PDB file of all heavy atoms in Angstrom:
ATOM      1  N   ILE A   1      46.161 -13.594 -53.456  1.00  0.00           N
ATOM      2  CA  ILE A   1      46.967 -13.150 -52.431  1.00  0.00           C
ATOM      3  C   ILE A   1      46.308 -12.096 -51.558  1.00  0.00           C
ATOM      4  O   ILE A   1      46.401 -12.246 -50.361  1.00  0.00           O
ATOM      5  CB  ILE A   1      48.272 -12.517 -53.105  1.00  0.00           C
ATOM      6  CG1 ILE A   1      49.066 -13.631 -53.812  1.00  0.00           C
ATOM      7  CG2 ILE A   1      49.109 -11.796 -52.045  1.00  0.00           C
ATOM      8  CD1 ILE A   1      50.283 -13.019 -54.550  1.00  0.00           C
ATOM      9  N   ASP A   2      45.655 -11.117 -52.117  1.00  0.00           N
ATOM     10  CA  ASP A   2      44.958 -10.234 -51.340  1.00  0.00           C
ATOM     11  C   ASP A   2      43.818 -10.789 -50.482  1.00  0.00           C
ATOM     12  O   ASP A   2      43.505 -10.325 -49.387  1.00  0.00           O
ATOM     13  CB  ASP A   2      44.346  -9.018 -52.293  1.00  0.00           C
ATOM     14  CG  ASP A   2      45.337  -8.228 -52.983  1.00  0.00           C
ATOM     15  OD1 ASP A   2      46.646  -8.183 -52.465  1.00  0.00           O
ATOM     16  OD2 ASP A   2      45.099  -7.615 -54.022  1.00  0.00           O
ATOM     17  N   ARG A   3      43.239 -11.894 -51.035  1.00  0.00           N
ATOM     18  CA  ARG A   3      42.171 -12.471 -50.289  1.00  0.00           C
ATOM     19  C   ARG A   3      42.703 -13.070 -49.015  1.00  0.00           C
ATOM     20  O   ARG A   3      42.028 -13.098 -47.893  1.00  0.00           O
ATOM     21  CB  ARG A   3      41.410 -13.462 -51.191  1.00  0.00           C
ATOM     22  CG  ARG A   3      40.045 -13.998 -50.648  1.00  0.00           C
ATOM     23  CD  ARG A   3      39.388 -14.930 -51.590  1.00  0.00           C
ATOM     24  NE  ARG A   3      39.423 -14.365 -52.988  1.00  0.00           N
ATOM     25  CZ  ARG A   3      39.202 -15.072 -54.127  1.00  0.00           C
ATOM     26  NH1 ARG A   3      38.898 -16.339 -54.022  1.00  0.00           N
ATOM     27  NH2 ARG A   3      39.087 -14.481 -55.256  1.00  0.00           N
ATOM     28  N   THR A   4      43.884 -13.778 -49.075  1.00  0.00           N
ATOM     29  CA  THR A   4      44.490 -14.367 -47.914  1.00  0.00           C
ATOM     30  C   THR A   4      44.863 -13.328 -46.869  1.00  0.00           C
ATOM     31  O   THR A   4      44.716 -13.498 -45.662  1.00  0.00           O
ATOM     32  CB  THR A   4      45.719 -15.178 -48.401  1.00  0.00           C
ATOM     33  OG1 THR A   4      45.485 -16.031 -49.450  1.00  0.00           O
ATOM     34  CG2 THR A   4      46.252 -16.134 -47.259  1.00  0.00           C
ATOM     35  N   THR A   5      45.329 -12.179 -47.385  1.00  0.00           N
ATOM     36  CA  THR A   5      45.697 -11.204 -46.442  1.00  0.00           C
ATOM     37  C   THR A   5      44.392 -10.563 -45.745  1.00  0.00           C
ATOM     38  O   THR A   5      44.490 -10.340 -44.579  1.00  0.00           O
ATOM     39  CB  THR A   5      46.312 -10.003 -47.160  1.00  0.00           C
ATOM     40  OG1 THR A   5      47.570 -10.463 -47.922  1.00  0.00           O
ATOM     41  CG2 THR A   5      46.825  -8.893 -46.256  1.00  0.00           C
ATOM     42  N   ASN A   6      43.307 -10.502 -46.520  1.00  0.00           N
ATOM     43  CA  ASN A   6      42.122 -10.166 -45.891  1.00  0.00           C
ATOM     44  C   ASN A   6      41.572 -11.053 -44.784  1.00  0.00           C
ATOM     45  O   ASN A   6      41.063 -10.671 -43.719  1.00  0.00           O
ATOM     46  CB  ASN A   6      41.091  -9.845 -46.831  1.00  0.00           C
ATOM     47  CG  ASN A   6      41.371  -8.742 -47.862  1.00  0.00           C
ATOM     48  OD1 ASN A   6      42.104  -7.835 -47.451  1.00  0.00           O
ATOM     49  ND2 ASN A   6      40.722  -8.682 -49.018  1.00  0.00           N
ATOM     50  N   TRP A   7      41.825 -12.353 -45.029  1.00  0.00           N
ATOM     51  CA  TRP A   7      41.500 -13.401 -44.042  1.00  0.00           C
ATOM     52  C   TRP A   7      42.297 -13.151 -42.734  1.00  0.00           C
ATOM     53  O   TRP A   7      41.794 -13.327 -41.629  1.00  0.00           O
ATOM     54  CB  TRP A   7      41.690 -14.812 -44.613  1.00  0.00           C
ATOM     55  CG  TRP A   7      40.750 -15.174 -45.690  1.00  0.00           C
ATOM     56  CD1 TRP A   7      39.590 -14.550 -46.112  1.00  0.00           C
ATOM     57  CD2 TRP A   7      40.924 -16.271 -46.643  1.00  0.00           C
ATOM     58  NE1 TRP A   7      39.053 -15.246 -47.158  1.00  0.00           N
ATOM     59  CE2 TRP A   7      39.811 -16.265 -47.527  1.00  0.00           C
ATOM     60  CE3 TRP A   7      41.914 -17.317 -46.750  1.00  0.00           C
ATOM     61  CZ2 TRP A   7      39.678 -17.170 -48.472  1.00  0.00           C
ATOM     62  CZ3 TRP A   7      41.709 -18.201 -47.694  1.00  0.00           C
ATOM     63  CH2 TRP A   7      40.652 -18.197 -48.614  1.00  0.00           C
ATOM     64  N   ALA A   8      43.597 -12.947 -42.961  1.00  0.00           N
ATOM     65  CA  ALA A   8      44.506 -12.773 -41.873  1.00  0.00           C
ATOM     66  C   ALA A   8      44.046 -11.589 -41.064  1.00  0.00           C
ATOM     67  O   ALA A   8      44.010 -11.549 -39.769  1.00  0.00           O
ATOM     68  CB  ALA A   8      45.865 -12.692 -42.290  1.00  0.00           C
ATOM     69  N   ILE A   9      43.759 -10.448 -41.595  1.00  0.00           N
ATOM     70  CA  ILE A   9      43.270  -9.228 -40.935  1.00  0.00           C
ATOM     71  C   ILE A   9      42.000  -9.488 -40.201  1.00  0.00           C
ATOM     72  O   ILE A   9      41.867  -9.018 -39.081  1.00  0.00           O
ATOM     73  CB  ILE A   9      43.202  -8.077 -42.047  1.00  0.00           C
ATOM     74  CG1 ILE A   9      44.544  -7.678 -42.519  1.00  0.00           C
ATOM     75  CG2 ILE A   9      42.487  -6.827 -41.306  1.00  0.00           C
ATOM     76  CD1 ILE A   9      44.438  -6.584 -43.547  1.00  0.00           C
ATOM     77  N   THR A  10      41.083 -10.272 -40.831  1.00  0.00           N
ATOM     78  CA  THR A  10      39.799 -10.523 -40.117  1.00  0.00           C
ATOM     79  C   THR A  10      40.051 -11.446 -38.954  1.00  0.00           C
ATOM     80  O   THR A  10      39.484 -11.175 -37.838  1.00  0.00           O
ATOM     81  CB  THR A  10      38.904 -11.347 -41.129  1.00  0.00           C
ATOM     82  OG1 THR A  10      38.608 -10.445 -42.266  1.00  0.00           O
ATOM     83  CG2 THR A  10      37.543 -11.580 -40.490  1.00  0.00           C
ATOM     84  N   VAL A  11      40.917 -12.404 -39.014  1.00  0.00           N
ATOM     85  CA  VAL A  11      41.261 -13.276 -37.937  1.00  0.00           C
ATOM     86  C   VAL A  11      41.721 -12.390 -36.779  1.00  0.00           C
ATOM     87  O   VAL A  11      41.421 -12.588 -35.589  1.00  0.00           O
ATOM     88  CB  VAL A  11      42.197 -14.350 -38.328  1.00  0.00           C
ATOM     89  CG1 VAL A  11      42.889 -15.099 -37.073  1.00  0.00           C
ATOM     90  CG2 VAL A  11      41.560 -15.366 -39.120  1.00  0.00           C
ATOM     91  N   ILE A  12      42.721 -11.499 -37.066  1.00  0.00           N
ATOM     92  CA  ILE A  12      43.348 -10.790 -36.076  1.00  0.00           C
ATOM     93  C   ILE A  12      42.350  -9.740 -35.385  1.00  0.00           C
ATOM     94  O   ILE A  12      42.318  -9.664 -34.147  1.00  0.00           O
ATOM     95  CB  ILE A  12      44.486  -9.771 -36.571  1.00  0.00           C
ATOM     96  CG1 ILE A  12      45.665 -10.742 -36.979  1.00  0.00           C
ATOM     97  CG2 ILE A  12      44.910  -8.761 -35.693  1.00  0.00           C
ATOM     98  CD1 ILE A  12      46.733  -9.976 -37.861  1.00  0.00           C
ATOM     99  N   ALA A  13      41.460  -9.178 -36.160  1.00  0.00           N
ATOM    100  CA  ALA A  13      40.433  -8.274 -35.563  1.00  0.00           C
ATOM    101  C   ALA A  13      39.541  -9.075 -34.674  1.00  0.00           C
ATOM    102  O   ALA A  13      39.170  -8.570 -33.522  1.00  0.00           O
ATOM    103  CB  ALA A  13      39.646  -7.621 -36.622  1.00  0.00           C
ATOM    104  N   ALA A  14      39.090 -10.226 -35.102  1.00  0.00           N
ATOM    105  CA  ALA A  14      38.218 -11.028 -34.278  1.00  0.00           C
ATOM    106  C   ALA A  14      38.793 -11.546 -32.960  1.00  0.00           C
ATOM    107  O   ALA A  14      38.228 -11.444 -31.857  1.00  0.00           O
ATOM    108  CB  ALA A  14      37.765 -12.250 -35.031  1.00  0.00           C
ATOM    109  N   MET A  15      40.164 -12.022 -33.121  1.00  0.00           N
ATOM    110  CA  MET A  15      40.809 -12.415 -31.840  1.00  0.00           C
ATOM    111  C   MET A  15      41.167 -11.322 -30.869  1.00  0.00           C
ATOM    112  O   MET A  15      40.988 -11.458 -29.653  1.00  0.00           O
ATOM    113  CB  MET A  15      42.017 -13.163 -32.269  1.00  0.00           C
ATOM    114  CG  MET A  15      41.907 -14.509 -33.068  1.00  0.00           C
ATOM    115  SD  MET A  15      40.872 -15.643 -32.152  1.00  0.00           S
ATOM    116  CE  MET A  15      40.967 -17.031 -33.243  1.00  0.00           C
ATOM    117  N   LEU A  16      41.496 -10.153 -31.463  1.00  0.00           N
ATOM    118  CA  LEU A  16      41.683  -9.019 -30.525  1.00  0.00           C
ATOM    119  C   LEU A  16      40.357  -8.518 -29.810  1.00  0.00           C
ATOM    120  O   LEU A  16      40.433  -8.211 -28.682  1.00  0.00           O
ATOM    121  CB  LEU A  16      42.329  -7.880 -31.344  1.00  0.00           C
ATOM    122  CG  LEU A  16      43.752  -7.930 -31.867  1.00  0.00           C
ATOM    123  CD1 LEU A  16      44.106  -6.714 -32.647  1.00  0.00           C
ATOM    124  CD2 LEU A  16      44.637  -8.110 -30.637  1.00  0.00           C
ATOM    125  N   SER A  17      39.409  -8.654 -30.565  1.00  0.00           N
ATOM    126  CA  SER A  17      38.133  -8.209 -29.956  1.00  0.00           C
ATOM    127  C   SER A  17      37.623  -9.205 -28.853  1.00  0.00           C
ATOM    128  O   SER A  17      37.239  -8.767 -27.733  1.00  0.00           O
ATOM    129  CB  SER A  17      36.993  -8.241 -31.020  1.00  0.00           C
ATOM    130  OG  SER A  17      35.737  -7.927 -30.481  1.00  0.00           O
ATOM    131  N   VAL A  18      37.904 -10.505 -29.042  1.00  0.00           N
ATOM    132  CA  VAL A  18      37.538 -11.455 -27.987  1.00  0.00           C
ATOM    133  C   VAL A  18      38.447 -11.420 -26.850  1.00  0.00           C
ATOM    134  O   VAL A  18      38.044 -11.416 -25.666  1.00  0.00           O
ATOM    135  CB  VAL A  18      37.561 -12.941 -28.722  1.00  0.00           C
ATOM    136  CG1 VAL A  18      37.494 -13.985 -27.535  1.00  0.00           C
ATOM    137  CG2 VAL A  18      36.518 -13.054 -29.726  1.00  0.00           C
ATOM    138  N   SER A  19      39.792 -11.184 -27.046  1.00  0.00           N
ATOM    139  CA  SER A  19      40.750 -11.235 -26.040  1.00  0.00           C
ATOM    140  C   SER A  19      40.802 -10.054 -25.185  1.00  0.00           C
ATOM    141  O   SER A  19      40.771 -10.110 -23.860  1.00  0.00           O
ATOM    142  CB  SER A  19      42.102 -11.471 -26.548  1.00  0.00           C
ATOM    143  OG  SER A  19      43.156 -11.534 -25.559  1.00  0.00           O
ATOM    144  N   LEU A  20      40.739  -8.889 -25.808  1.00  0.00           N
ATOM    145  CA  LEU A  20      40.976  -7.618 -25.108  1.00  0.00           C
ATOM    146  C   LEU A  20      39.662  -6.986 -24.514  1.00  0.00           C
ATOM    147  O   LEU A  20      39.728  -6.110 -23.602  1.00  0.00           O
ATOM    148  CB  LEU A  20      41.670  -6.518 -25.982  1.00  0.00           C
ATOM    149  CG  LEU A  20      43.058  -7.031 -26.483  1.00  0.00           C
ATOM    150  CD1 LEU A  20      43.589  -5.850 -27.270  1.00  0.00           C
ATOM    151  CD2 LEU A  20      43.977  -7.304 -25.314  1.00  0.00           C
ATOM    152  N   SER A  21      38.543  -7.406 -25.031  1.00  0.00           N
ATOM    153  CA  SER A  21      37.240  -6.803 -24.582  1.00  0.00           C
ATOM    154  C   SER A  21      36.643  -7.535 -23.402  1.00  0.00           C
ATOM    155  O   SER A  21      35.744  -6.999 -22.729  1.00  0.00           O
ATOM    156  CB  SER A  21      36.194  -6.773 -25.757  1.00  0.00           C
ATOM    157  OG  SER A  21      35.846  -8.146 -26.100  1.00  0.00           O
ATOM    158  N   THR A  22      37.062  -8.738 -23.118  1.00  0.00           N
ATOM    159  CA  THR A  22      36.573  -9.537 -21.924  1.00  0.00           C
ATOM    160  C   THR A  22      37.630  -9.782 -20.897  1.00  0.00           C
ATOM    161  O   THR A  22      38.663 -10.430 -21.385  1.00  0.00           O
ATOM    162  CB  THR A  22      36.026 -10.880 -22.474  1.00  0.00           C
ATOM    163  OG1 THR A  22      35.051 -10.640 -23.539  1.00  0.00           O
ATOM    164  CG2 THR A  22      35.324 -11.600 -21.329  1.00  0.00           C
ATOM    165  N   PRO A  23      37.537  -9.260 -19.746  1.00  0.00           N
ATOM    166  CA  PRO A  23      38.590  -9.500 -18.705  1.00  0.00           C
ATOM    167  C   PRO A  23      38.930 -10.989 -18.510  1.00  0.00           C
ATOM    168  O   PRO A  23      40.049 -11.329 -18.187  1.00  0.00           O
ATOM    169  CB  PRO A  23      38.078  -8.870 -17.404  1.00  0.00           C
ATOM    170  CG  PRO A  23      37.026  -7.961 -17.956  1.00  0.00           C
ATOM    171  CD  PRO A  23      36.454  -8.543 -19.173  1.00  0.00           C
ATOM    172  N   THR A  24      38.004 -11.809 -18.598  1.00  0.00           N
ATOM    173  CA  THR A  24      38.185 -13.290 -18.348  1.00  0.00           C
ATOM    174  C   THR A  24      38.671 -14.049 -19.445  1.00  0.00           C
ATOM    175  O   THR A  24      38.990 -15.256 -19.408  1.00  0.00           O
ATOM    176  CB  THR A  24      36.840 -13.959 -17.828  1.00  0.00           C
ATOM    177  OG1 THR A  24      35.802 -13.755 -18.878  1.00  0.00           O
ATOM    178  CG2 THR A  24      36.429 -13.346 -16.546  1.00  0.00           C
ATOM    179  N   ALA A  25      38.819 -13.473 -20.754  1.00  0.00           N
ATOM    180  CA  ALA A  25      39.322 -14.091 -21.802  1.00  0.00           C
ATOM    181  C   ALA A  25      40.827 -14.481 -21.623  1.00  0.00           C
ATOM    182  O   ALA A  25      41.618 -13.732 -21.190  1.00  0.00           O
ATOM    183  CB  ALA A  25      39.247 -13.275 -23.169  1.00  0.00           C
ATOM    184  N   HIS A  26      41.162 -15.676 -22.048  1.00  0.00           N
ATOM    185  CA  HIS A  26      42.611 -16.184 -21.824  1.00  0.00           C
ATOM    186  C   HIS A  26      43.536 -15.633 -22.988  1.00  0.00           C
ATOM    187  O   HIS A  26      43.145 -15.459 -24.118  1.00  0.00           O
ATOM    188  CB  HIS A  26      42.575 -17.639 -21.838  1.00  0.00           C
ATOM    189  CG  HIS A  26      43.827 -18.313 -21.221  1.00  0.00           C
ATOM    190  ND1 HIS A  26      44.924 -18.507 -21.913  1.00  0.00           N
ATOM    191  CD2 HIS A  26      44.091 -18.735 -19.936  1.00  0.00           C
ATOM    192  CE1 HIS A  26      45.941 -19.092 -21.090  1.00  0.00           C
ATOM    193  NE2 HIS A  26      45.436 -19.206 -19.978  1.00  0.00           N
ATOM    194  N   HIS A  27      44.775 -15.424 -22.410  1.00  0.00           N
ATOM    195  CA  HIS A  27      45.727 -14.895 -23.515  1.00  0.00           C
ATOM    196  C   HIS A  27      46.007 -15.888 -24.559  1.00  0.00           C
ATOM    197  O   HIS A  27      46.698 -15.557 -25.642  1.00  0.00           O
ATOM    198  CB  HIS A  27      47.102 -14.415 -22.788  1.00  0.00           C
ATOM    199  CG  HIS A  27      47.827 -15.629 -22.139  1.00  0.00           C
ATOM    200  ND1 HIS A  27      48.821 -16.217 -22.893  1.00  0.00           N
ATOM    201  CD2 HIS A  27      47.802 -16.237 -21.010  1.00  0.00           C
ATOM    202  CE1 HIS A  27      49.368 -17.173 -22.225  1.00  0.00           C
ATOM    203  NE2 HIS A  27      48.671 -17.263 -20.992  1.00  0.00           N
ATOM    204  N   GLY A  28      45.683 -17.212 -24.311  1.00  0.00           N
ATOM    205  CA  GLY A  28      45.878 -18.253 -25.239  1.00  0.00           C
ATOM    206  C   GLY A  28      45.154 -17.894 -26.567  1.00  0.00           C
ATOM    207  O   GLY A  28      45.525 -18.427 -27.647  1.00  0.00           O
ATOM    208  N   VAL A  29      44.202 -17.118 -26.566  1.00  0.00           N
ATOM    209  CA  VAL A  29      43.407 -16.750 -27.747  1.00  0.00           C
ATOM    210  C   VAL A  29      44.325 -16.081 -28.759  1.00  0.00           C
ATOM    211  O   VAL A  29      44.405 -16.248 -29.930  1.00  0.00           O
ATOM    212  CB  VAL A  29      42.209 -15.867 -27.428  1.00  0.00           C
ATOM    213  CG1 VAL A  29      41.552 -15.305 -28.659  1.00  0.00           C
ATOM    214  CG2 VAL A  29      41.183 -16.626 -26.671  1.00  0.00           C
ATOM    215  N   LEU A  30      45.238 -15.242 -28.174  1.00  0.00           N
ATOM    216  CA  LEU A  30      46.260 -14.430 -29.050  1.00  0.00           C
ATOM    217  C   LEU A  30      47.330 -15.402 -29.596  1.00  0.00           C
ATOM    218  O   LEU A  30      47.731 -15.242 -30.688  1.00  0.00           O
ATOM    219  CB  LEU A  30      46.742 -13.330 -28.263  1.00  0.00           C
ATOM    220  CG  LEU A  30      45.748 -12.170 -27.852  1.00  0.00           C
ATOM    221  CD1 LEU A  30      46.461 -11.167 -26.922  1.00  0.00           C
ATOM    222  CD2 LEU A  30      45.234 -11.504 -29.061  1.00  0.00           C
ATOM    223  N   LEU A  31      47.654 -16.319 -28.780  1.00  0.00           N
ATOM    224  CA  LEU A  31      48.568 -17.273 -29.223  1.00  0.00           C
ATOM    225  C   LEU A  31      48.045 -18.193 -30.368  1.00  0.00           C
ATOM    226  O   LEU A  31      48.733 -18.432 -31.330  1.00  0.00           O
ATOM    227  CB  LEU A  31      49.113 -18.292 -28.136  1.00  0.00           C
ATOM    228  CG  LEU A  31      49.790 -17.511 -26.926  1.00  0.00           C
ATOM    229  CD1 LEU A  31      50.209 -18.582 -25.877  1.00  0.00           C
ATOM    230  CD2 LEU A  31      51.089 -16.782 -27.376  1.00  0.00           C
ATOM    231  N   PHE A  32      46.811 -18.497 -30.170  1.00  0.00           N
ATOM    232  CA  PHE A  32      46.122 -19.248 -31.349  1.00  0.00           C
ATOM    233  C   PHE A  32      46.033 -18.368 -32.569  1.00  0.00           C
ATOM    234  O   PHE A  32      46.233 -18.857 -33.691  1.00  0.00           O
ATOM    235  CB  PHE A  32      44.673 -19.668 -30.802  1.00  0.00           C
ATOM    236  CG  PHE A  32      44.023 -20.463 -31.830  1.00  0.00           C
ATOM    237  CD1 PHE A  32      44.481 -21.719 -32.233  1.00  0.00           C
ATOM    238  CD2 PHE A  32      42.790 -19.932 -32.335  1.00  0.00           C
ATOM    239  CE1 PHE A  32      43.702 -22.445 -33.163  1.00  0.00           C
ATOM    240  CE2 PHE A  32      42.088 -20.646 -33.258  1.00  0.00           C
ATOM    241  CZ  PHE A  32      42.519 -21.962 -33.725  1.00  0.00           C
ATOM    242  N   ALA A  33      45.725 -17.036 -32.357  1.00  0.00           N
ATOM    243  CA  ALA A  33      45.773 -16.160 -33.513  1.00  0.00           C
ATOM    244  C   ALA A  33      47.062 -16.098 -34.326  1.00  0.00           C
ATOM    245  O   ALA A  33      47.160 -16.057 -35.536  1.00  0.00           O
ATOM    246  CB  ALA A  33      45.360 -14.722 -33.071  1.00  0.00           C
ATOM    247  N   MET A  34      48.186 -16.144 -33.506  1.00  0.00           N
ATOM    248  CA  MET A  34      49.506 -16.147 -34.141  1.00  0.00           C
ATOM    249  C   MET A  34      49.663 -17.370 -35.051  1.00  0.00           C
ATOM    250  O   MET A  34      50.221 -17.320 -36.137  1.00  0.00           O
ATOM    251  CB  MET A  34      50.592 -16.187 -33.047  1.00  0.00           C
ATOM    252  CG  MET A  34      50.685 -14.816 -32.194  1.00  0.00           C
ATOM    253  SD  MET A  34      51.956 -15.021 -30.897  1.00  0.00           S
ATOM    254  CE  MET A  34      51.630 -13.556 -29.932  1.00  0.00           C
ATOM    255  N   LEU A  35      49.147 -18.576 -34.516  1.00  0.00           N
ATOM    256  CA  LEU A  35      49.326 -19.810 -35.351  1.00  0.00           C
ATOM    257  C   LEU A  35      48.446 -19.668 -36.645  1.00  0.00           C
ATOM    258  O   LEU A  35      48.856 -20.130 -37.658  1.00  0.00           O
ATOM    259  CB  LEU A  35      48.950 -21.048 -34.446  1.00  0.00           C
ATOM    260  CG  LEU A  35      49.795 -21.332 -33.350  1.00  0.00           C
ATOM    261  CD1 LEU A  35      49.222 -22.518 -32.596  1.00  0.00           C
ATOM    262  CD2 LEU A  35      51.216 -21.661 -33.817  1.00  0.00           C
ATOM    263  N   LEU A  36      47.233 -19.153 -36.470  1.00  0.00           N
ATOM    264  CA  LEU A  36      46.353 -19.006 -37.684  1.00  0.00           C
ATOM    265  C   LEU A  36      47.023 -18.033 -38.614  1.00  0.00           C
ATOM    266  O   LEU A  36      46.929 -18.359 -39.936  1.00  0.00           O
ATOM    267  CB  LEU A  36      44.998 -18.474 -37.226  1.00  0.00           C
ATOM    268  CG  LEU A  36      44.020 -19.474 -36.472  1.00  0.00           C
ATOM    269  CD1 LEU A  36      42.724 -18.862 -36.066  1.00  0.00           C
ATOM    270  CD2 LEU A  36      43.801 -20.669 -37.418  1.00  0.00           C
ATOM    271  N   VAL A  37      47.584 -16.997 -38.264  1.00  0.00           N
ATOM    272  CA  VAL A  37      48.117 -16.067 -39.103  1.00  0.00           C
ATOM    273  C   VAL A  37      49.373 -16.619 -39.814  1.00  0.00           C
ATOM    274  O   VAL A  37      49.663 -16.516 -40.920  1.00  0.00           O
ATOM    275  CB  VAL A  37      48.554 -14.740 -38.358  1.00  0.00           C
ATOM    276  CG1 VAL A  37      49.319 -13.845 -39.368  1.00  0.00           C
ATOM    277  CG2 VAL A  37      47.314 -13.983 -37.940  1.00  0.00           C
TER     278      VAL A  37
END
């Protein structure tokens, strides 16, 4: 259970980094993160 939670946190951190750090990154990255979580 804890391992799955850690995967979800890693996914969120990666998607936030990609989406918010690059002005041209599409907001769909965050929608995709919602589906993965």
